[in-house]
Protein backbone atom coordinates (compact mmCIF):
# COMPACT_ATOMS: atom_id res chain seq x y z
CA MET A 1 -17.90 -36.88 0.36
CA ARG A 2 -16.46 -40.26 1.34
CA ILE A 3 -19.38 -42.33 2.60
CA LEU A 4 -19.35 -45.78 4.18
CA ILE A 5 -22.57 -47.75 3.70
CA THR A 6 -23.68 -51.04 5.19
CA GLY A 7 -26.29 -53.14 3.39
CA ALA A 8 -25.36 -51.96 -0.12
CA SER A 9 -25.73 -55.48 -1.49
CA GLY A 10 -29.36 -55.50 -0.34
CA TYR A 11 -32.54 -53.90 -1.58
CA VAL A 12 -32.70 -50.46 0.03
CA GLY A 13 -28.96 -50.11 0.62
CA GLY A 14 -28.17 -50.94 -2.98
CA VAL A 15 -30.43 -48.22 -4.36
CA VAL A 16 -29.09 -45.73 -1.81
CA ALA A 17 -25.52 -46.56 -2.85
CA GLU A 18 -26.47 -46.13 -6.50
CA HIS A 19 -27.95 -42.68 -5.81
CA LEU A 20 -24.90 -41.61 -3.77
CA VAL A 21 -22.53 -42.65 -6.57
CA ARG A 22 -24.69 -40.81 -9.07
CA ALA A 23 -24.43 -37.70 -6.87
CA ASP A 24 -20.61 -37.90 -7.22
CA HIS A 25 -19.88 -39.14 -3.71
CA GLU A 26 -17.11 -41.65 -3.04
CA VAL A 27 -18.95 -44.69 -1.71
CA VAL A 28 -17.31 -47.47 0.29
CA ALA A 29 -19.55 -50.47 0.91
CA LEU A 30 -19.32 -53.31 3.40
CA ALA A 31 -19.44 -56.67 1.59
CA ARG A 32 -19.60 -59.97 3.46
CA SER A 33 -19.22 -62.31 0.47
CA ASP A 34 -17.80 -62.44 -3.05
CA GLU A 35 -21.33 -62.12 -4.40
CA ALA A 36 -21.89 -58.99 -2.30
CA ARG A 37 -18.56 -57.56 -3.44
CA GLU A 38 -19.51 -58.02 -7.08
CA ARG A 39 -22.90 -56.44 -6.43
CA VAL A 40 -21.56 -53.28 -4.75
CA GLU A 41 -18.70 -52.86 -7.19
CA GLY A 42 -21.24 -53.07 -9.99
CA LEU A 43 -22.97 -50.08 -8.41
CA GLY A 44 -19.75 -48.07 -8.55
CA ALA A 45 -18.78 -48.45 -4.90
CA LYS A 46 -15.52 -49.68 -3.44
CA ALA A 47 -15.96 -52.90 -1.46
CA VAL A 48 -14.58 -53.50 2.04
CA ALA A 49 -14.67 -57.14 3.08
CA GLY A 50 -16.56 -57.76 6.29
CA SER A 51 -19.90 -58.21 8.01
CA LEU A 52 -21.71 -56.51 10.87
CA ARG A 53 -19.92 -58.92 13.21
CA ASP A 54 -16.47 -57.67 12.15
CA LEU A 55 -16.23 -54.80 14.60
CA ASP A 56 -12.63 -53.84 13.90
CA VAL A 57 -13.40 -53.65 10.17
CA LEU A 58 -16.41 -51.43 10.87
CA ARG A 59 -14.46 -49.17 13.18
CA GLY A 60 -11.59 -48.78 10.72
CA ALA A 61 -13.83 -48.17 7.72
CA ALA A 62 -15.86 -45.55 9.59
CA ALA A 63 -12.66 -43.82 10.70
CA SER A 64 -11.67 -43.25 7.08
CA ALA A 65 -15.11 -41.91 6.09
CA GLU A 66 -16.79 -38.54 6.41
CA ALA A 67 -20.22 -40.10 6.77
CA VAL A 68 -21.85 -43.47 7.48
CA VAL A 69 -25.15 -44.83 6.19
CA HIS A 70 -26.39 -47.88 8.07
CA ALA A 71 -28.86 -49.78 5.91
CA ALA A 72 -27.98 -53.40 6.70
CA VAL A 73 -30.68 -55.42 8.41
CA ASP A 74 -31.94 -59.00 8.66
CA TYR A 75 -35.33 -59.05 10.32
CA ALA A 76 -35.37 -62.85 10.17
CA ASP A 77 -32.30 -63.15 12.41
CA PRO A 78 -33.42 -63.39 16.07
CA GLY A 79 -30.01 -62.11 17.16
CA MET A 80 -30.08 -59.01 14.96
CA GLY A 81 -30.74 -56.63 17.83
CA GLU A 82 -27.53 -57.59 19.62
CA ILE A 83 -25.56 -57.70 16.36
CA GLU A 84 -26.75 -54.23 15.42
CA HIS A 85 -26.03 -52.76 18.85
CA ASP A 86 -22.40 -53.84 18.67
CA ALA A 87 -22.05 -52.82 15.02
CA LEU A 88 -23.45 -49.36 15.71
CA ALA A 89 -21.10 -48.94 18.66
CA ALA A 90 -18.12 -49.75 16.42
CA LEU A 91 -19.26 -47.49 13.58
CA LEU A 92 -19.95 -44.59 15.92
CA ASP A 93 -16.66 -45.09 17.72
CA GLY A 94 -14.77 -44.97 14.42
CA LEU A 95 -16.54 -41.98 12.87
CA HIS A 96 -14.73 -38.73 13.58
CA ASP A 97 -16.23 -35.74 15.39
CA GLY A 98 -18.70 -33.91 13.19
CA GLY A 99 -19.19 -36.83 10.81
CA ALA A 100 -22.69 -37.59 9.53
CA PHE A 101 -24.53 -40.80 10.42
CA VAL A 102 -27.81 -41.80 8.76
CA TYR A 103 -29.65 -44.65 10.46
CA THR A 104 -32.28 -46.70 8.67
CA SER A 105 -35.35 -47.26 10.81
CA THR A 106 -38.93 -48.14 10.03
CA GLY A 107 -42.46 -46.86 10.49
CA LEU A 108 -43.07 -50.06 12.46
CA VAL A 109 -41.42 -48.42 15.48
CA TYR A 110 -44.70 -46.58 16.04
CA PRO A 111 -47.49 -48.24 18.02
CA ASP A 112 -50.59 -49.22 16.11
CA ARG A 113 -52.57 -45.99 15.74
CA GLN A 114 -55.61 -47.72 14.18
CA GLY A 115 -55.64 -45.33 11.24
CA ALA A 116 -54.57 -42.10 12.98
CA THR A 117 -51.70 -40.29 11.28
CA VAL A 118 -48.42 -40.27 13.18
CA ASP A 119 -45.54 -37.80 13.05
CA GLU A 120 -42.02 -37.98 14.45
CA ASP A 121 -42.96 -36.43 17.80
CA HIS A 122 -45.14 -39.40 18.72
CA PRO A 123 -43.41 -41.41 21.48
CA VAL A 124 -41.90 -44.75 20.51
CA THR A 125 -40.81 -47.44 22.94
CA PRO A 126 -39.50 -50.99 22.53
CA GLU A 127 -42.55 -52.26 24.41
CA THR A 128 -45.04 -50.87 21.87
CA SER A 129 -43.00 -51.33 18.70
CA ALA A 130 -43.21 -54.15 16.17
CA GLN A 131 -39.44 -53.67 15.71
CA PRO A 132 -38.16 -52.96 19.24
CA TYR A 133 -34.45 -53.10 18.48
CA LYS A 134 -34.91 -50.37 15.88
CA VAL A 135 -36.11 -48.06 18.66
CA LEU A 136 -32.96 -48.90 20.59
CA GLY A 137 -30.80 -48.36 17.49
CA GLU A 138 -32.34 -44.93 16.95
CA ARG A 139 -31.56 -43.97 20.52
CA GLN A 140 -28.01 -45.22 20.24
CA VAL A 141 -27.30 -43.09 17.17
CA LEU A 142 -29.02 -39.95 18.45
CA ALA A 143 -27.21 -40.21 21.79
CA ALA A 144 -23.79 -40.11 20.10
CA GLY A 145 -23.12 -36.43 20.59
CA HIS A 146 -19.96 -36.28 18.49
CA VAL A 147 -21.73 -37.06 15.19
CA ALA A 148 -24.56 -35.49 13.20
CA GLY A 149 -27.10 -38.30 13.51
CA THR A 150 -30.20 -38.57 11.34
CA VAL A 151 -32.87 -41.25 11.65
CA ILE A 152 -35.08 -42.12 8.67
CA ARG A 153 -38.27 -44.03 9.50
CA ALA A 154 -39.35 -45.56 6.22
CA ALA A 155 -42.88 -46.63 5.38
CA LEU A 156 -43.44 -49.81 3.35
CA VAL A 157 -40.71 -49.65 0.71
CA TYR A 158 -41.61 -50.73 -2.82
CA GLY A 159 -40.39 -50.37 -6.38
CA ARG A 160 -37.92 -52.05 -8.74
CA GLY A 161 -39.75 -55.33 -8.12
CA GLY A 162 -38.44 -55.50 -4.54
CA SER A 163 -39.74 -55.45 -0.93
CA GLY A 164 -39.81 -58.50 1.32
CA LEU A 165 -43.52 -58.13 2.12
CA LEU A 166 -44.62 -57.67 -1.47
CA GLN A 167 -42.40 -60.46 -2.74
CA GLY A 168 -43.85 -62.71 -0.05
CA LEU A 169 -47.41 -61.90 -1.10
CA ILE A 170 -46.52 -62.37 -4.77
CA GLY A 171 -44.91 -65.72 -3.94
CA ALA A 172 -48.01 -66.80 -2.03
CA GLY A 173 -50.24 -65.84 -4.92
CA ARG A 174 -48.19 -67.78 -7.44
CA GLN A 175 -47.73 -70.86 -5.28
CA SER A 176 -51.13 -71.20 -3.61
CA GLY A 177 -53.43 -69.10 -5.78
CA MET A 178 -54.35 -67.08 -2.67
CA VAL A 179 -53.21 -63.66 -1.45
CA PRO A 180 -54.29 -63.20 2.17
CA TYR A 181 -55.34 -60.15 4.13
CA ILE A 182 -56.80 -59.94 7.63
CA GLY A 183 -60.42 -59.07 8.38
CA ASP A 184 -61.92 -56.49 6.05
CA GLY A 185 -58.45 -55.22 5.07
CA ALA A 186 -59.54 -51.60 5.35
CA ASN A 187 -56.52 -50.61 7.46
CA GLU A 188 -54.30 -48.24 5.47
CA TRP A 189 -50.52 -48.30 5.12
CA SER A 190 -48.15 -45.59 4.00
CA SER A 191 -45.49 -46.50 1.46
CA VAL A 192 -42.45 -45.02 -0.28
CA HIS A 193 -40.80 -45.84 -3.59
CA VAL A 194 -37.24 -47.06 -3.07
CA ASP A 195 -35.84 -44.42 -5.44
CA ASP A 196 -37.66 -41.63 -3.60
CA LEU A 197 -36.34 -43.04 -0.33
CA ALA A 198 -32.78 -43.09 -1.67
CA ALA A 199 -33.13 -39.46 -2.73
CA LEU A 200 -33.97 -38.60 0.88
CA TYR A 201 -30.72 -40.22 2.08
CA VAL A 202 -28.73 -38.10 -0.36
CA ALA A 203 -30.52 -34.94 0.80
CA ALA A 204 -30.04 -35.82 4.48
CA LEU A 205 -26.29 -36.22 3.96
CA GLU A 206 -25.90 -33.08 1.89
CA ARG A 207 -28.15 -30.87 4.07
CA ARG A 208 -27.21 -31.99 7.54
CA GLU A 209 -29.73 -31.54 10.34
CA PRO A 210 -28.09 -33.09 13.43
CA GLY A 211 -30.31 -35.04 15.78
CA VAL A 212 -33.34 -35.13 13.51
CA VAL A 213 -35.83 -37.95 12.94
CA VAL A 214 -37.85 -37.94 9.72
CA ASN A 215 -40.61 -40.11 8.33
CA ALA A 216 -40.28 -41.22 4.71
CA ALA A 217 -43.61 -41.77 2.96
CA SER A 218 -45.48 -40.59 -0.11
CA ALA A 219 -48.91 -39.00 0.21
CA GLU A 220 -50.61 -42.20 -0.97
CA ARG A 221 -52.17 -44.51 1.60
CA THR A 222 -53.18 -48.01 0.56
CA PRO A 223 -55.66 -50.32 2.31
CA ILE A 224 -54.16 -53.75 2.85
CA ARG A 225 -57.07 -55.30 0.95
CA ARG A 226 -56.32 -53.11 -2.09
CA MET A 227 -52.70 -54.20 -1.91
CA ALA A 228 -53.74 -57.85 -1.78
CA GLU A 229 -56.13 -57.37 -4.71
CA ALA A 230 -53.38 -55.76 -6.79
CA VAL A 231 -51.04 -58.66 -6.04
CA ALA A 232 -53.83 -61.12 -6.83
CA GLY A 233 -54.40 -59.46 -10.19
CA LEU A 234 -50.69 -59.60 -10.89
CA THR A 235 -50.38 -63.31 -10.09
CA GLY A 236 -53.74 -64.59 -11.31
CA ALA A 237 -54.68 -65.46 -7.74
CA GLN A 238 -57.59 -64.56 -5.48
CA ALA A 239 -57.44 -62.07 -2.59
CA VAL A 240 -58.82 -63.87 0.46
CA SER A 241 -59.87 -62.53 3.85
CA LEU A 242 -58.65 -64.49 6.88
CA THR A 243 -59.44 -64.10 10.53
CA LEU A 244 -56.51 -63.12 12.72
CA GLU A 245 -56.41 -66.68 14.08
CA GLN A 246 -56.32 -68.17 10.58
CA GLY A 247 -53.70 -65.64 9.50
CA THR A 248 -51.50 -66.36 12.50
CA ALA A 249 -51.65 -70.08 11.77
CA ALA A 250 -50.66 -69.45 8.15
CA MET A 251 -48.22 -66.53 8.48
CA GLY A 252 -47.13 -66.36 12.10
CA PRO A 253 -46.44 -62.89 13.59
CA LEU A 254 -46.78 -61.25 10.17
CA ALA A 255 -50.56 -61.61 10.44
CA ALA A 256 -50.74 -59.23 13.40
CA THR A 257 -48.48 -56.77 11.59
CA LEU A 258 -50.88 -56.76 8.64
CA THR A 259 -53.69 -55.52 10.92
CA ARG A 260 -51.78 -52.36 11.85
CA SER A 261 -52.49 -48.86 10.56
CA SER A 262 -50.18 -45.97 11.44
CA PRO A 263 -50.05 -43.72 8.35
CA LEU A 264 -46.94 -41.53 8.37
CA ASP A 265 -46.82 -37.75 8.17
CA ALA A 266 -43.67 -37.00 6.15
CA SER A 267 -43.96 -33.21 6.08
CA ARG A 268 -40.81 -32.76 8.17
CA ALA A 269 -38.64 -34.42 5.50
CA ARG A 270 -40.21 -32.18 2.88
CA ARG A 271 -39.64 -29.07 4.98
CA LEU A 272 -36.07 -29.76 6.13
CA PHE A 273 -34.64 -31.44 3.07
CA GLY A 274 -36.81 -30.24 0.20
CA TRP A 275 -37.77 -33.87 -0.37
CA ALA A 276 -40.55 -34.44 -2.89
CA PRO A 277 -41.58 -38.04 -3.73
CA ARG A 278 -42.38 -38.27 -7.43
CA ARG A 279 -42.31 -41.94 -8.46
CA PRO A 280 -45.42 -44.00 -9.29
CA GLY A 281 -47.57 -45.11 -6.37
CA LEU A 282 -47.64 -48.59 -4.85
CA VAL A 283 -50.76 -49.86 -6.63
CA GLU A 284 -49.59 -48.48 -9.97
CA GLU A 285 -46.22 -50.21 -9.54
CA LEU A 286 -47.97 -53.49 -8.76
CA THR A 287 -50.47 -53.35 -11.60
CA SER A 288 -48.43 -51.84 -14.44
CA GLY A 289 -44.92 -51.03 -13.19
CA SER A 290 -41.82 -52.92 -12.11
CA TYR A 291 -43.68 -55.86 -10.52
CA ALA A 292 -45.78 -56.43 -13.60
CA ARG A 293 -42.63 -56.47 -15.74
CA SER A 294 -40.63 -58.80 -13.48
């Protein structure tokens, strides 16, 4: 299958591209710089020069593909919602009738359930989501009736020494000697190893289920305090409890995100796609796996 992927020079997109190449698919990857081109070509993909702002490039590349995987994202860019809306419109416009489209979303679209497990039937709205434009992106893809759209809502992604949140906590531990968590840190998060997540993308493309939304998470749930303690052990720092006010002053909006707990039920992905996460868990990766070796 000829597959166009955005975000292949990044963390999740790069591992997805690697898995797709390994599964003998022809992968074409958007690359917005020479460095990105070298990265995606090193994965075995063919590079197409352009960014999410290059709508004609997106439309043309999608038109020559049988499937599109959208994994590009920059949560730090305040204009990302508008950029993504236009990019999705171009990609969907270019993709031919019956083509497959896999959209990368996040478990943060769910409201804070304060520890109650959430499945894909739970309502999500921009007003209650920590990532409102991802809710809108999901709707945009699923409303495109001419393509087989699939939405993957990923839990905290880890593995291969990556993940923005974990790298941020590791950086804090090394620089300040302190790894923060909020309150008692008992709130649990779901997580998924990046290689297990990539395997789900391959399965979703090869076993199409049009219009489906699936959670991606392993069975393990990790209290935020345990995560902070593992990072502290890794960096020789101390895990420290902060009040929400102290955390907001130190970390901004991230502090409120760290108080959330909406563990994901991923049984639908297992049932529909035969998906079975099998990589080491989050704490094991932090204490003796890829993070310990990096």
